[in-house]
Amino acid sequence: MYMFLPFLLALCAAVSTVMGKTGASYALWLVLLLVTLGWFDHHVTDPLTLSF
């Protein structure tokens, strides 16, 4: 999977915030939130195969 995607989205959102593009900034923060929650759900629902 592309593990750099949340970091790239956060960078783009921060840059658009600094540049004053509020519409793009809100959209990128929303996409970042959705990607983060989606990957969290993907990783949380997988069972761990631990043997002690």
Protein backbone atom coordinates (compact mmCIF):
# COMPACT_ATOMS: atom_id res chain seq x y z
CA MET A 1 0.00 0.00 0.00
CA TYR A 2 1.09 3.57 -0.39
CA MET A 3 2.10 4.44 3.16
CA PHE A 4 3.36 7.89 2.15
CA LEU A 5 -0.14 8.98 1.06
CA PRO A 6 -1.30 10.42 4.44
CA PHE A 7 1.93 12.36 4.78
CA LEU A 8 1.70 13.69 1.24
CA LEU A 9 -1.93 14.71 1.79
CA ALA A 10 -1.02 16.42 5.07
CA LEU A 11 1.81 18.31 3.36
CA CYS A 12 -0.45 19.42 0.50
CA ALA A 13 -3.15 20.47 2.95
CA ALA A 14 -0.68 22.46 5.05
CA VAL A 15 0.80 24.16 1.98
CA SER A 16 -2.64 25.07 0.67
CA THR A 17 -3.53 26.46 4.10
CA VAL A 18 -0.41 28.65 4.14
CA MET A 19 -1.11 29.83 0.59
CA GLY A 20 -4.64 30.87 1.59
CA LYS A 21 -6.57 28.42 -0.57
CA THR A 22 -9.27 27.59 1.95
CA GLY A 23 -11.48 25.48 -0.31
CA ALA A 24 -8.65 23.21 -1.39
CA SER A 25 -7.35 23.11 2.16
CA TYR A 26 -10.64 21.88 3.61
CA ALA A 27 -11.01 19.33 0.83
CA LEU A 28 -7.51 17.96 1.38
CA TRP A 29 -7.97 17.76 5.15
CA LEU A 30 -11.23 15.86 4.58
CA VAL A 31 -9.55 13.44 2.16
CA LEU A 32 -6.73 12.98 4.67
CA LEU A 33 -9.24 12.17 7.41
CA LEU A 34 -11.07 9.66 5.22
CA VAL A 35 -7.84 7.94 4.13
CA THR A 36 -6.62 7.74 7.72
CA LEU A 37 -9.91 6.32 8.99
CA GLY A 38 -10.08 3.87 6.10
CA TRP A 39 -6.60 2.53 6.74
CA PHE A 40 -7.30 2.39 10.49
CA ASP A 41 -10.42 0.31 9.82
CA HIS A 42 -8.49 -1.92 7.43
CA HIS A 43 -5.75 -2.65 9.96
CA VAL A 44 -7.94 -2.90 13.06
CA THR A 45 -10.30 -5.50 11.63
CA ASP A 46 -7.50 -7.98 10.79
CA PRO A 47 -6.93 -10.53 13.56
CA LEU A 48 -3.46 -10.88 14.99
CA THR A 49 -1.90 -14.33 14.85
CA LEU A 50 0.05 -14.34 18.08
CA SER A 51 1.48 -17.47 19.67
CA PHE A 52 3.13 -17.35 23.05
